[in-house]
Amino acid sequence: MFDVTMGNYDGAEVCELVGLYILNKLCNKYNRKISIGLYRVDVLALLKRIGPRSADKIHKEFSAIFENFGLKITALANLKNCELFSHNFRYF
């Protein structure tokens, strides 16, 4: 293991590589059932035509995947809109 501190010269590149690795794991697991976007420390997933119970199950699976990497996340499920980067996204 190695440590890359905040503000380090290569910190942004390492963050992007780790994010892409996690994004790859998520995309492989759900195989196009979910649209997933990643920007630095924010992840946004859009579930299409999935009921509340299935969405809650996927929510728990997401948390487990991140815990396998030693990361803790705050995840919200069954939302109709969200605010990300001062933009309001609505899903109908």
N, C-alpha and C. Protein backbone atom coordinates (compact mmCIF):
# COMPACT_ATOMS: atom_id res chain seq x y z
N MET A 1 0.83 -1.18 0.00
CA MET A 1 0.00 0.00 0.00
C MET A 1 0.88 1.24 0.00
N PHE A 2 0.30 2.32 -0.45
CA PHE A 2 0.99 3.60 -0.44
C PHE A 2 0.01 4.68 -0.03
N ASP A 3 0.54 5.80 0.34
CA ASP A 3 -0.27 6.89 0.85
C ASP A 3 -0.10 8.11 -0.04
N VAL A 4 -1.19 8.64 -0.52
CA VAL A 4 -1.16 9.88 -1.30
C VAL A 4 -1.98 10.89 -0.52
N THR A 5 -1.34 11.90 -0.02
CA THR A 5 -2.02 12.88 0.81
C THR A 5 -2.77 13.91 -0.03
N MET A 6 -3.70 14.60 0.61
CA MET A 6 -4.43 15.66 -0.09
C MET A 6 -3.45 16.76 -0.48
N GLY A 7 -3.60 17.27 -1.67
CA GLY A 7 -2.72 18.33 -2.14
C GLY A 7 -1.42 17.82 -2.72
N ASN A 8 -1.23 16.51 -2.71
CA ASN A 8 -0.03 15.92 -3.28
C ASN A 8 0.00 16.17 -4.79
N TYR A 9 1.19 16.16 -5.34
CA TYR A 9 1.36 16.44 -6.78
C TYR A 9 0.55 15.48 -7.64
N ASP A 10 0.53 14.20 -7.28
CA ASP A 10 -0.18 13.20 -8.08
C ASP A 10 -1.55 12.85 -7.51
N GLY A 11 -2.04 13.61 -6.56
CA GLY A 11 -3.28 13.28 -5.87
C GLY A 11 -4.48 13.19 -6.80
N ALA A 12 -4.64 14.12 -7.71
CA ALA A 12 -5.80 14.12 -8.61
C ALA A 12 -5.76 12.93 -9.56
N GLU A 13 -4.58 12.59 -10.05
CA GLU A 13 -4.45 11.45 -10.96
C GLU A 13 -4.77 10.14 -10.26
N VAL A 14 -4.28 10.01 -9.03
CA VAL A 14 -4.56 8.79 -8.26
C VAL A 14 -6.05 8.70 -7.96
N CYS A 15 -6.67 9.82 -7.62
CA CYS A 15 -8.10 9.85 -7.36
C CYS A 15 -8.89 9.40 -8.59
N GLU A 16 -8.50 9.85 -9.76
CA GLU A 16 -9.18 9.47 -10.99
C GLU A 16 -9.00 7.98 -11.29
N LEU A 17 -7.79 7.46 -11.08
CA LEU A 17 -7.54 6.04 -11.33
C LEU A 17 -8.35 5.15 -10.39
N VAL A 18 -8.38 5.50 -9.12
CA VAL A 18 -9.16 4.73 -8.15
C VAL A 18 -10.64 4.82 -8.49
N GLY A 19 -11.11 6.01 -8.85
CA GLY A 19 -12.51 6.19 -9.23
C GLY A 19 -12.88 5.37 -10.45
N LEU A 20 -12.00 5.33 -11.44
CA LEU A 20 -12.27 4.53 -12.63
C LEU A 20 -12.30 3.04 -12.32
N TYR A 21 -11.43 2.61 -11.41
CA TYR A 21 -11.42 1.20 -11.00
C TYR A 21 -12.74 0.83 -10.32
N ILE A 22 -13.20 1.68 -9.40
CA ILE A 22 -14.47 1.42 -8.72
C ILE A 22 -15.63 1.49 -9.69
N LEU A 23 -15.61 2.46 -10.60
CA LEU A 23 -16.65 2.58 -11.62
C LEU A 23 -16.70 1.33 -12.50
N ASN A 24 -15.54 0.79 -12.84
CA ASN A 24 -15.47 -0.43 -13.64
C ASN A 24 -16.10 -1.60 -12.88
N LYS A 25 -15.81 -1.72 -11.60
CA LYS A 25 -16.40 -2.79 -10.78
C LYS A 25 -17.92 -2.66 -10.74
N LEU A 26 -18.42 -1.44 -10.57
CA LEU A 26 -19.87 -1.23 -10.52
C LEU A 26 -20.53 -1.54 -11.86
N CYS A 27 -19.92 -1.08 -12.94
CA CYS A 27 -20.49 -1.32 -14.27
C CYS A 27 -20.49 -2.80 -14.64
N ASN A 28 -19.42 -3.51 -14.26
CA ASN A 28 -19.37 -4.94 -14.54
C ASN A 28 -20.43 -5.71 -13.76
N LYS A 29 -20.68 -5.29 -12.54
CA LYS A 29 -21.66 -5.98 -11.71
C LYS A 29 -23.08 -5.79 -12.23
N TYR A 30 -23.42 -4.59 -12.66
CA TYR A 30 -24.79 -4.30 -13.05
C TYR A 30 -25.03 -4.32 -14.54
N ASN A 31 -24.02 -4.44 -15.34
CA ASN A 31 -24.13 -4.70 -16.78
C ASN A 31 -25.24 -3.92 -17.48
N ARG A 32 -25.13 -2.61 -17.44
CA ARG A 32 -26.02 -1.69 -18.16
C ARG A 32 -27.43 -1.59 -17.61
N LYS A 33 -27.70 -2.13 -16.44
CA LYS A 33 -29.01 -1.95 -15.83
C LYS A 33 -29.09 -0.56 -15.19
N ILE A 34 -27.92 0.00 -14.92
CA ILE A 34 -27.84 1.28 -14.22
C ILE A 34 -26.90 2.20 -14.98
N SER A 35 -27.28 3.47 -15.09
CA SER A 35 -26.38 4.49 -15.64
C SER A 35 -25.62 5.10 -14.47
N ILE A 36 -24.29 5.03 -14.51
CA ILE A 36 -23.47 5.51 -13.41
C ILE A 36 -22.51 6.57 -13.90
N GLY A 37 -22.43 7.67 -13.17
CA GLY A 37 -21.49 8.74 -13.47
C GLY A 37 -20.61 9.01 -12.26
N LEU A 38 -19.39 9.40 -12.51
CA LEU A 38 -18.43 9.64 -11.43
C LEU A 38 -17.65 10.91 -11.72
N TYR A 39 -17.56 11.79 -10.72
CA TYR A 39 -16.73 12.98 -10.81
C TYR A 39 -16.06 13.19 -9.47
N ARG A 40 -14.77 12.99 -9.42
CA ARG A 40 -13.96 13.08 -8.21
C ARG A 40 -14.54 12.24 -7.09
N VAL A 41 -15.19 12.83 -6.11
CA VAL A 41 -15.70 12.05 -4.98
C VAL A 41 -17.20 11.85 -5.03
N ASP A 42 -17.86 12.25 -6.11
CA ASP A 42 -19.30 12.13 -6.23
C ASP A 42 -19.67 11.08 -7.27
N VAL A 43 -20.61 10.23 -6.90
CA VAL A 43 -21.12 9.20 -7.81
C VAL A 43 -22.62 9.39 -7.91
N LEU A 44 -23.13 9.34 -9.13
CA LEU A 44 -24.56 9.45 -9.35
C LEU A 44 -24.99 8.24 -10.18
N ALA A 45 -25.97 7.50 -9.68
CA ALA A 45 -26.47 6.31 -10.39
C ALA A 45 -27.96 6.49 -10.67
N LEU A 46 -28.36 6.18 -11.89
CA LEU A 46 -29.75 6.29 -12.31
C LEU A 46 -30.27 4.90 -12.60
N LEU A 47 -31.30 4.52 -11.87
CA LEU A 47 -31.92 3.21 -12.03
C LEU A 47 -33.20 3.39 -12.84
N LYS A 48 -33.30 2.70 -13.95
CA LYS A 48 -34.48 2.83 -14.80
C LYS A 48 -35.38 1.62 -14.63
N ARG A 49 -36.65 1.91 -14.47
CA ARG A 49 -37.69 0.89 -14.37
C ARG A 49 -37.38 -0.16 -13.30
N ILE A 50 -36.97 0.30 -12.16
CA ILE A 50 -36.68 -0.58 -11.03
C ILE A 50 -37.56 -0.13 -9.87
N GLY A 51 -38.21 -1.08 -9.24
CA GLY A 51 -39.10 -0.78 -8.12
C GLY A 51 -38.33 -0.36 -6.87
N PRO A 52 -39.04 0.17 -5.90
CA PRO A 52 -38.40 0.64 -4.66
C PRO A 52 -37.65 -0.46 -3.91
N ARG A 53 -38.19 -1.68 -3.89
CA ARG A 53 -37.51 -2.76 -3.17
C ARG A 53 -36.21 -3.14 -3.86
N SER A 54 -36.22 -3.22 -5.19
CA SER A 54 -34.99 -3.53 -5.93
C SER A 54 -33.97 -2.41 -5.79
N ALA A 55 -34.45 -1.18 -5.79
CA ALA A 55 -33.54 -0.03 -5.63
C ALA A 55 -32.88 -0.06 -4.26
N ASP A 56 -33.65 -0.43 -3.24
CA ASP A 56 -33.08 -0.51 -1.90
C ASP A 56 -32.04 -1.63 -1.81
N LYS A 57 -32.30 -2.75 -2.49
CA LYS A 57 -31.34 -3.86 -2.52
C LYS A 57 -30.04 -3.42 -3.20
N ILE A 58 -30.16 -2.72 -4.32
CA ILE A 58 -28.97 -2.23 -5.03
C ILE A 58 -28.24 -1.20 -4.18
N HIS A 59 -28.99 -0.38 -3.45
CA HIS A 59 -28.40 0.60 -2.53
C HIS A 59 -27.51 -0.11 -1.52
N LYS A 60 -27.97 -1.20 -0.94
CA LYS A 60 -27.18 -1.96 0.03
C LYS A 60 -25.97 -2.62 -0.64
N GLU A 61 -26.14 -3.09 -1.88
CA GLU A 61 -25.01 -3.69 -2.60
C GLU A 61 -23.93 -2.65 -2.90
N PHE A 62 -24.36 -1.44 -3.28
CA PHE A 62 -23.40 -0.35 -3.50
C PHE A 62 -22.57 -0.10 -2.25
N SER A 63 -23.26 -0.02 -1.11
CA SER A 63 -22.56 0.22 0.15
C SER A 63 -21.56 -0.89 0.44
N ALA A 64 -21.95 -2.13 0.17
CA ALA A 64 -21.06 -3.27 0.40
C ALA A 64 -19.83 -3.22 -0.51
N ILE A 65 -20.03 -2.83 -1.76
CA ILE A 65 -18.90 -2.73 -2.71
C ILE A 65 -17.90 -1.70 -2.22
N PHE A 66 -18.39 -0.55 -1.80
CA PHE A 66 -17.48 0.49 -1.31
C PHE A 66 -16.81 0.08 -0.01
N GLU A 67 -17.52 -0.65 0.85
CA GLU A 67 -16.91 -1.13 2.09
C GLU A 67 -15.79 -2.13 1.81
N ASN A 68 -15.92 -2.92 0.72
CA ASN A 68 -14.86 -3.85 0.34
C ASN A 68 -13.56 -3.12 0.00
N PHE A 69 -13.68 -1.88 -0.44
CA PHE A 69 -12.51 -1.06 -0.75
C PHE A 69 -12.05 -0.24 0.46
N GLY A 70 -12.71 -0.41 1.58
CA GLY A 70 -12.36 0.33 2.79
C GLY A 70 -12.89 1.75 2.79
N LEU A 71 -13.94 2.00 2.02
CA LEU A 71 -14.53 3.33 1.91
C LEU A 71 -15.92 3.34 2.52
N LYS A 72 -16.30 4.45 3.07
CA LYS A 72 -17.65 4.63 3.58
C LYS A 72 -18.36 5.63 2.68
N ILE A 73 -19.63 5.34 2.37
CA ILE A 73 -20.37 6.24 1.50
C ILE A 73 -21.67 6.64 2.16
N THR A 74 -22.21 7.75 1.70
CA THR A 74 -23.55 8.17 2.04
C THR A 74 -24.38 7.96 0.79
N ALA A 75 -25.34 7.07 0.86
CA ALA A 75 -26.14 6.74 -0.31
C ALA A 75 -27.61 6.98 -0.01
N LEU A 76 -28.30 7.54 -0.98
CA LEU A 76 -29.73 7.79 -0.86
C LEU A 76 -30.42 7.06 -2.00
N ALA A 77 -31.52 6.40 -1.70
CA ALA A 77 -32.24 5.64 -2.72
C ALA A 77 -33.66 6.16 -2.86
N ASN A 78 -34.27 5.83 -3.98
CA ASN A 78 -35.67 6.15 -4.29
C ASN A 78 -35.94 7.65 -4.32
N LEU A 79 -35.03 8.40 -4.91
CA LEU A 79 -35.22 9.84 -5.07
C LEU A 79 -35.74 10.14 -6.47
N LYS A 80 -36.54 11.16 -6.60
CA LYS A 80 -37.03 11.60 -7.91
C LYS A 80 -36.18 12.74 -8.47
N ASN A 81 -35.46 13.43 -7.60
CA ASN A 81 -34.55 14.49 -8.06
C ASN A 81 -33.39 14.59 -7.09
N CYS A 82 -32.29 15.17 -7.57
CA CYS A 82 -31.13 15.37 -6.71
C CYS A 82 -30.39 16.62 -7.16
N GLU A 83 -29.63 17.19 -6.25
CA GLU A 83 -28.83 18.36 -6.57
C GLU A 83 -27.37 17.97 -6.54
N LEU A 84 -26.68 18.23 -7.63
CA LEU A 84 -25.27 17.87 -7.76
C LEU A 84 -24.57 19.00 -8.51
N PHE A 85 -23.54 19.56 -7.92
CA PHE A 85 -22.77 20.66 -8.51
C PHE A 85 -23.66 21.86 -8.83
N SER A 86 -24.55 22.20 -7.93
CA SER A 86 -25.46 23.34 -8.06
C SER A 86 -26.43 23.18 -9.23
N HIS A 87 -26.65 21.95 -9.68
CA HIS A 87 -27.64 21.67 -10.72
C HIS A 87 -28.66 20.70 -10.14
N ASN A 88 -29.91 20.92 -10.49
CA ASN A 88 -30.97 20.06 -10.02
C ASN A 88 -31.34 19.09 -11.12
N PHE A 89 -31.18 17.79 -10.85
CA PHE A 89 -31.52 16.75 -11.81
C PHE A 89 -32.84 16.13 -11.39
N ARG A 90 -33.78 16.06 -12.33
CA ARG A 90 -35.09 15.48 -12.06
C ARG A 90 -35.30 14.28 -12.97
N TYR A 91 -35.84 13.24 -12.37
CA TYR A 91 -36.15 12.03 -13.12
C TYR A 91 -37.64 11.76 -13.00
N PHE A 92 -38.30 11.64 -14.11
CA PHE A 92 -39.75 11.41 -14.10
C PHE A 92 -40.06 10.03 -14.61
